[in-house]
């Protein structure tokens, strides 16, 4: 509203004309907004994805075993040491701590 009143004062036009000028300014101002906001949207999406993916990568034994075969290739502890999700996380934390620390 302040900008409309300023347009009225500077251009010496009635309120209706100032509203049309304001609408033109608003359209030009919003042009390219998506491109400017894109890095923020990518960051929000990436943080959400990493946060959700981190849970099975630390606590879910089949996921950890698959990732170990695919990328880590460390020795697998005995099954008696992998009975609970917390025991599984002790093993997976060896390679998951650096990326999770970086992501946070």
N, C-alpha and C. Protein backbone atom coordinates (compact mmCIF):
# COMPACT_ATOMS: atom_id res chain seq x y z
N UNK A 1 0.83 -1.19 0.00
CA UNK A 1 0.00 0.00 0.00
C UNK A 1 0.87 1.25 0.00
N UNK A 2 1.98 1.21 0.72
CA UNK A 2 2.88 2.37 0.76
C UNK A 2 3.43 2.64 -0.63
N UNK A 3 3.77 1.57 -1.35
CA UNK A 3 4.29 1.75 -2.71
C UNK A 3 3.23 2.34 -3.62
N UNK A 4 1.99 1.93 -3.47
CA UNK A 4 0.92 2.52 -4.29
C UNK A 4 0.78 4.02 -4.00
N UNK A 5 0.83 4.36 -2.74
CA UNK A 5 0.74 5.80 -2.39
C UNK A 5 1.95 6.56 -2.92
N UNK A 6 3.10 5.92 -2.91
CA UNK A 6 4.30 6.57 -3.44
C UNK A 6 4.18 6.77 -4.95
N UNK A 7 3.64 5.77 -5.65
CA UNK A 7 3.42 5.90 -7.10
C UNK A 7 2.45 7.04 -7.37
N UNK A 8 1.39 7.15 -6.58
CA UNK A 8 0.42 8.24 -6.74
C UNK A 8 1.12 9.59 -6.58
N UNK A 9 2.00 9.69 -5.63
CA UNK A 9 2.67 10.96 -5.35
C UNK A 9 3.68 11.31 -6.44
N UNK A 10 4.51 10.35 -6.82
CA UNK A 10 5.58 10.61 -7.79
C UNK A 10 5.01 10.82 -9.18
N UNK A 11 4.08 9.96 -9.60
CA UNK A 11 3.53 10.05 -10.96
C UNK A 11 2.34 11.01 -11.05
N UNK A 12 1.86 11.46 -9.91
CA UNK A 12 0.71 12.36 -9.85
C UNK A 12 -0.49 11.77 -10.59
N UNK A 13 -0.84 10.52 -10.18
CA UNK A 13 -1.95 9.79 -10.80
C UNK A 13 -2.94 9.37 -9.73
N UNK A 14 -4.17 9.08 -10.13
CA UNK A 14 -5.15 8.61 -9.14
C UNK A 14 -4.84 7.17 -8.70
N UNK A 15 -5.56 6.73 -7.68
CA UNK A 15 -5.31 5.43 -7.06
C UNK A 15 -5.44 4.29 -8.05
N UNK A 16 -6.41 4.31 -8.93
CA UNK A 16 -6.63 3.23 -9.90
C UNK A 16 -5.43 3.08 -10.83
N UNK A 17 -4.89 4.20 -11.30
CA UNK A 17 -3.71 4.15 -12.17
C UNK A 17 -2.49 3.63 -11.39
N UNK A 18 -2.39 4.03 -10.14
CA UNK A 18 -1.28 3.56 -9.31
C UNK A 18 -1.37 2.04 -9.10
N UNK A 19 -2.58 1.52 -8.99
CA UNK A 19 -2.77 0.07 -8.84
C UNK A 19 -2.32 -0.67 -10.09
N UNK A 20 -2.61 -0.13 -11.26
CA UNK A 20 -2.16 -0.75 -12.51
C UNK A 20 -0.64 -0.72 -12.61
N UNK A 21 -0.03 0.39 -12.24
CA UNK A 21 1.44 0.49 -12.25
C UNK A 21 2.03 -0.50 -11.25
N UNK A 22 1.41 -0.59 -10.10
CA UNK A 22 1.87 -1.53 -9.08
C UNK A 22 1.80 -2.97 -9.58
N UNK A 23 0.71 -3.33 -10.28
CA UNK A 23 0.56 -4.68 -10.83
C UNK A 23 1.67 -4.98 -11.85
N UNK A 24 2.01 -4.00 -12.65
CA UNK A 24 3.11 -4.16 -13.62
C UNK A 24 4.43 -4.38 -12.89
N UNK A 25 4.69 -3.59 -11.87
CA UNK A 25 5.92 -3.74 -11.08
C UNK A 25 5.95 -5.12 -10.43
N UNK A 26 4.81 -5.59 -9.93
CA UNK A 26 4.75 -6.89 -9.26
C UNK A 26 5.07 -8.02 -10.23
N UNK A 27 4.55 -7.95 -11.45
CA UNK A 27 4.82 -8.99 -12.45
C UNK A 27 6.31 -9.02 -12.79
N UNK A 28 6.90 -7.86 -13.00
CA UNK A 28 8.33 -7.78 -13.33
C UNK A 28 9.17 -8.26 -12.15
N UNK A 29 8.76 -7.92 -10.96
CA UNK A 29 9.51 -8.32 -9.76
C UNK A 29 9.52 -9.84 -9.58
N UNK A 30 8.41 -10.50 -9.91
CA UNK A 30 8.31 -11.95 -9.74
C UNK A 30 8.94 -12.72 -10.88
N UNK A 31 9.33 -12.05 -11.93
CA UNK A 31 9.94 -12.72 -13.07
C UNK A 31 11.30 -13.27 -12.65
N UNK A 32 11.53 -14.55 -12.89
CA UNK A 32 12.79 -15.18 -12.54
C UNK A 32 12.88 -15.61 -11.09
N UNK A 33 11.80 -15.45 -10.34
CA UNK A 33 11.81 -15.83 -8.92
C UNK A 33 12.10 -17.32 -8.75
N UNK A 34 11.57 -18.16 -9.63
CA UNK A 34 11.78 -19.61 -9.52
C UNK A 34 13.26 -19.94 -9.63
N UNK A 35 13.94 -19.31 -10.57
CA UNK A 35 15.36 -19.58 -10.76
C UNK A 35 16.19 -19.12 -9.57
N UNK A 36 15.84 -18.02 -8.98
CA UNK A 36 16.56 -17.52 -7.81
C UNK A 36 16.33 -18.43 -6.60
N UNK A 37 15.13 -18.96 -6.47
CA UNK A 37 14.80 -19.82 -5.33
C UNK A 37 15.22 -21.27 -5.52
N UNK A 38 15.65 -21.64 -6.72
CA UNK A 38 16.00 -23.02 -7.01
C UNK A 38 17.09 -23.58 -6.10
N UNK A 39 18.19 -22.88 -5.83
CA UNK A 39 19.19 -23.45 -4.92
C UNK A 39 18.63 -23.76 -3.53
N UNK A 40 17.74 -22.95 -3.04
CA UNK A 40 17.14 -23.21 -1.73
C UNK A 40 16.27 -24.46 -1.77
N UNK A 41 15.51 -24.61 -2.86
CA UNK A 41 14.66 -25.79 -3.00
C UNK A 41 15.49 -27.06 -3.13
N UNK A 42 16.59 -27.00 -3.86
CA UNK A 42 17.48 -28.15 -3.99
C UNK A 42 18.07 -28.51 -2.63
N UNK A 43 18.47 -27.51 -1.86
CA UNK A 43 19.03 -27.75 -0.53
C UNK A 43 18.03 -28.37 0.41
N UNK A 44 16.81 -27.90 0.39
CA UNK A 44 15.76 -28.44 1.26
C UNK A 44 15.46 -29.89 0.88
N UNK A 45 15.35 -30.14 -0.43
CA UNK A 45 15.08 -31.50 -0.90
C UNK A 45 16.23 -32.43 -0.51
N UNK A 46 17.46 -32.00 -0.73
CA UNK A 46 18.62 -32.83 -0.43
C UNK A 46 18.71 -33.14 1.06
N UNK A 47 18.51 -32.15 1.90
CA UNK A 47 18.58 -32.37 3.35
C UNK A 47 17.49 -33.33 3.81
N UNK A 48 16.31 -33.21 3.26
CA UNK A 48 15.21 -34.11 3.60
C UNK A 48 15.53 -35.53 3.17
N UNK A 49 16.03 -35.68 1.95
CA UNK A 49 16.37 -37.00 1.44
C UNK A 49 17.47 -37.66 2.28
N UNK A 50 18.52 -36.92 2.58
CA UNK A 50 19.62 -37.47 3.38
C UNK A 50 19.14 -37.83 4.78
N UNK A 51 18.31 -36.99 5.36
CA UNK A 51 17.79 -37.27 6.70
C UNK A 51 16.95 -38.53 6.75
N UNK A 52 16.15 -38.76 5.73
CA UNK A 52 15.31 -39.96 5.69
C UNK A 52 16.16 -41.19 5.36
N UNK A 53 17.08 -41.05 4.40
CA UNK A 53 17.91 -42.19 3.99
C UNK A 53 18.90 -42.60 5.07
N UNK A 54 19.24 -41.71 5.97
CA UNK A 54 20.23 -42.03 7.01
C UNK A 54 19.72 -43.08 7.99
N UNK A 55 18.44 -43.12 8.23
CA UNK A 55 17.89 -44.05 9.22
C UNK A 55 18.13 -45.51 8.82
N UNK A 56 17.72 -45.94 7.61
CA UNK A 56 18.02 -47.33 7.26
C UNK A 56 19.51 -47.58 7.03
N UNK A 57 20.27 -46.56 6.65
CA UNK A 57 21.70 -46.74 6.42
C UNK A 57 22.47 -46.93 7.73
N UNK A 58 21.84 -46.67 8.85
CA UNK A 58 22.49 -46.86 10.14
C UNK A 58 21.88 -48.03 10.92
N UNK A 59 20.56 -48.23 10.83
CA UNK A 59 19.90 -49.19 11.71
C UNK A 59 19.32 -50.43 11.03
N UNK A 60 19.18 -50.46 9.72
CA UNK A 60 18.52 -51.57 9.02
C UNK A 60 19.56 -52.53 8.46
N UNK A 61 19.62 -53.73 9.01
CA UNK A 61 20.67 -54.69 8.67
C UNK A 61 20.71 -55.05 7.19
N UNK A 62 19.59 -55.39 6.53
CA UNK A 62 19.69 -55.73 5.10
C UNK A 62 20.23 -54.56 4.25
N UNK A 63 19.85 -53.35 4.57
CA UNK A 63 20.36 -52.19 3.83
C UNK A 63 21.85 -52.02 4.06
N UNK A 64 22.26 -52.19 5.30
CA UNK A 64 23.68 -52.04 5.63
C UNK A 64 24.50 -53.15 4.97
N UNK A 65 23.99 -54.38 4.96
CA UNK A 65 24.71 -55.47 4.31
C UNK A 65 24.85 -55.20 2.81
N UNK A 66 23.78 -54.72 2.18
CA UNK A 66 23.85 -54.38 0.75
C UNK A 66 24.88 -53.29 0.50
N UNK A 67 24.85 -52.24 1.30
CA UNK A 67 25.80 -51.14 1.12
C UNK A 67 27.22 -51.58 1.40
N UNK A 68 27.40 -52.47 2.35
CA UNK A 68 28.73 -52.98 2.66
C UNK A 68 29.30 -53.75 1.46
N UNK A 69 28.49 -54.57 0.83
CA UNK A 69 28.94 -55.31 -0.35
C UNK A 69 29.22 -54.36 -1.51
N UNK A 70 28.35 -53.38 -1.68
CA UNK A 70 28.42 -52.48 -2.83
C UNK A 70 29.54 -51.45 -2.70
N UNK A 71 29.77 -50.89 -1.50
CA UNK A 71 30.66 -49.74 -1.40
C UNK A 71 31.74 -49.87 -0.33
N UNK A 72 31.45 -50.47 0.80
CA UNK A 72 32.36 -50.38 1.94
C UNK A 72 33.34 -51.55 1.98
N UNK A 73 32.86 -52.74 1.83
CA UNK A 73 33.63 -54.00 1.85
C UNK A 73 34.43 -54.19 3.14
N UNK A 74 33.82 -53.94 4.26
CA UNK A 74 34.46 -54.20 5.55
C UNK A 74 34.03 -55.57 6.05
N UNK A 75 34.72 -56.07 7.04
CA UNK A 75 34.38 -57.37 7.62
C UNK A 75 33.04 -57.28 8.34
N UNK A 76 32.24 -58.32 8.15
CA UNK A 76 30.93 -58.37 8.80
C UNK A 76 31.10 -59.02 10.16
N UNK A 77 30.57 -58.39 11.23
CA UNK A 77 30.65 -59.02 12.55
C UNK A 77 29.81 -60.30 12.61
N UNK A 78 30.03 -61.06 13.65
CA UNK A 78 29.24 -62.28 13.85
C UNK A 78 27.77 -61.90 14.05
N UNK A 79 26.88 -62.82 13.70
CA UNK A 79 25.45 -62.55 13.80
C UNK A 79 25.01 -62.30 15.24
N UNK A 80 25.71 -62.86 16.22
CA UNK A 80 25.35 -62.60 17.62
C UNK A 80 25.60 -61.14 17.99
N UNK A 81 26.46 -60.44 17.21
CA UNK A 81 26.73 -59.02 17.46
C UNK A 81 25.82 -58.11 16.64
N UNK A 82 24.89 -58.71 15.89
CA UNK A 82 23.99 -57.91 15.03
C UNK A 82 22.53 -58.25 15.30
N UNK A 83 22.18 -58.53 16.54
CA UNK A 83 20.83 -58.96 16.86
C UNK A 83 19.84 -57.81 17.00
N UNK A 84 20.28 -56.64 17.41
CA UNK A 84 19.36 -55.51 17.58
C UNK A 84 19.80 -54.36 16.68
N UNK A 85 18.88 -53.43 16.41
CA UNK A 85 19.26 -52.27 15.59
C UNK A 85 20.40 -51.46 16.20
N UNK A 86 20.48 -51.41 17.52
CA UNK A 86 21.58 -50.66 18.13
C UNK A 86 22.92 -51.36 17.91
N UNK A 87 22.92 -52.67 17.96
CA UNK A 87 24.16 -53.40 17.66
C UNK A 87 24.56 -53.24 16.19
N UNK A 88 23.55 -53.24 15.34
CA UNK A 88 23.81 -53.01 13.91
C UNK A 88 24.39 -51.62 13.70
N UNK A 89 23.87 -50.66 14.42
CA UNK A 89 24.35 -49.28 14.24
C UNK A 89 25.79 -49.10 14.71
N UNK A 90 26.22 -49.91 15.68
CA UNK A 90 27.62 -49.85 16.12
C UNK A 90 28.54 -50.22 14.97
N UNK A 91 28.14 -51.23 14.20
CA UNK A 91 28.94 -51.65 13.05
C UNK A 91 28.88 -50.62 11.93
N UNK A 92 27.67 -50.17 11.58
CA UNK A 92 27.53 -49.25 10.45
C UNK A 92 28.06 -47.85 10.74
N UNK A 93 28.15 -47.49 11.99
CA UNK A 93 28.59 -46.14 12.35
C UNK A 93 30.03 -45.89 11.91
N UNK A 94 30.82 -46.96 11.76
CA UNK A 94 32.21 -46.81 11.33
C UNK A 94 32.32 -46.05 10.01
N UNK A 95 31.43 -46.32 9.09
CA UNK A 95 31.50 -45.62 7.80
C UNK A 95 30.40 -44.58 7.62
N UNK A 96 29.39 -44.58 8.47
CA UNK A 96 28.31 -43.60 8.33
C UNK A 96 28.55 -42.31 9.11
N UNK A 97 29.44 -42.32 10.07
CA UNK A 97 29.67 -41.10 10.86
C UNK A 97 30.18 -39.94 10.01
N UNK A 98 31.18 -40.12 9.14
CA UNK A 98 31.66 -38.97 8.37
C UNK A 98 30.61 -38.33 7.46
N UNK A 99 29.87 -39.12 6.65
CA UNK A 99 28.87 -38.44 5.80
C UNK A 99 27.72 -37.82 6.60
N UNK A 100 27.32 -38.46 7.70
CA UNK A 100 26.24 -37.87 8.50
C UNK A 100 26.69 -36.62 9.21
N UNK A 101 27.93 -36.60 9.68
CA UNK A 101 28.46 -35.39 10.29
C UNK A 101 28.55 -34.26 9.28
N UNK A 102 28.97 -34.59 8.07
CA UNK A 102 29.06 -33.58 7.01
C UNK A 102 27.67 -33.07 6.62
N UNK A 103 26.71 -33.99 6.54
CA UNK A 103 25.35 -33.60 6.14
C UNK A 103 24.66 -32.75 7.20
N UNK A 104 25.02 -32.96 8.44
CA UNK A 104 24.34 -32.19 9.48
C UNK A 104 25.02 -30.86 9.64
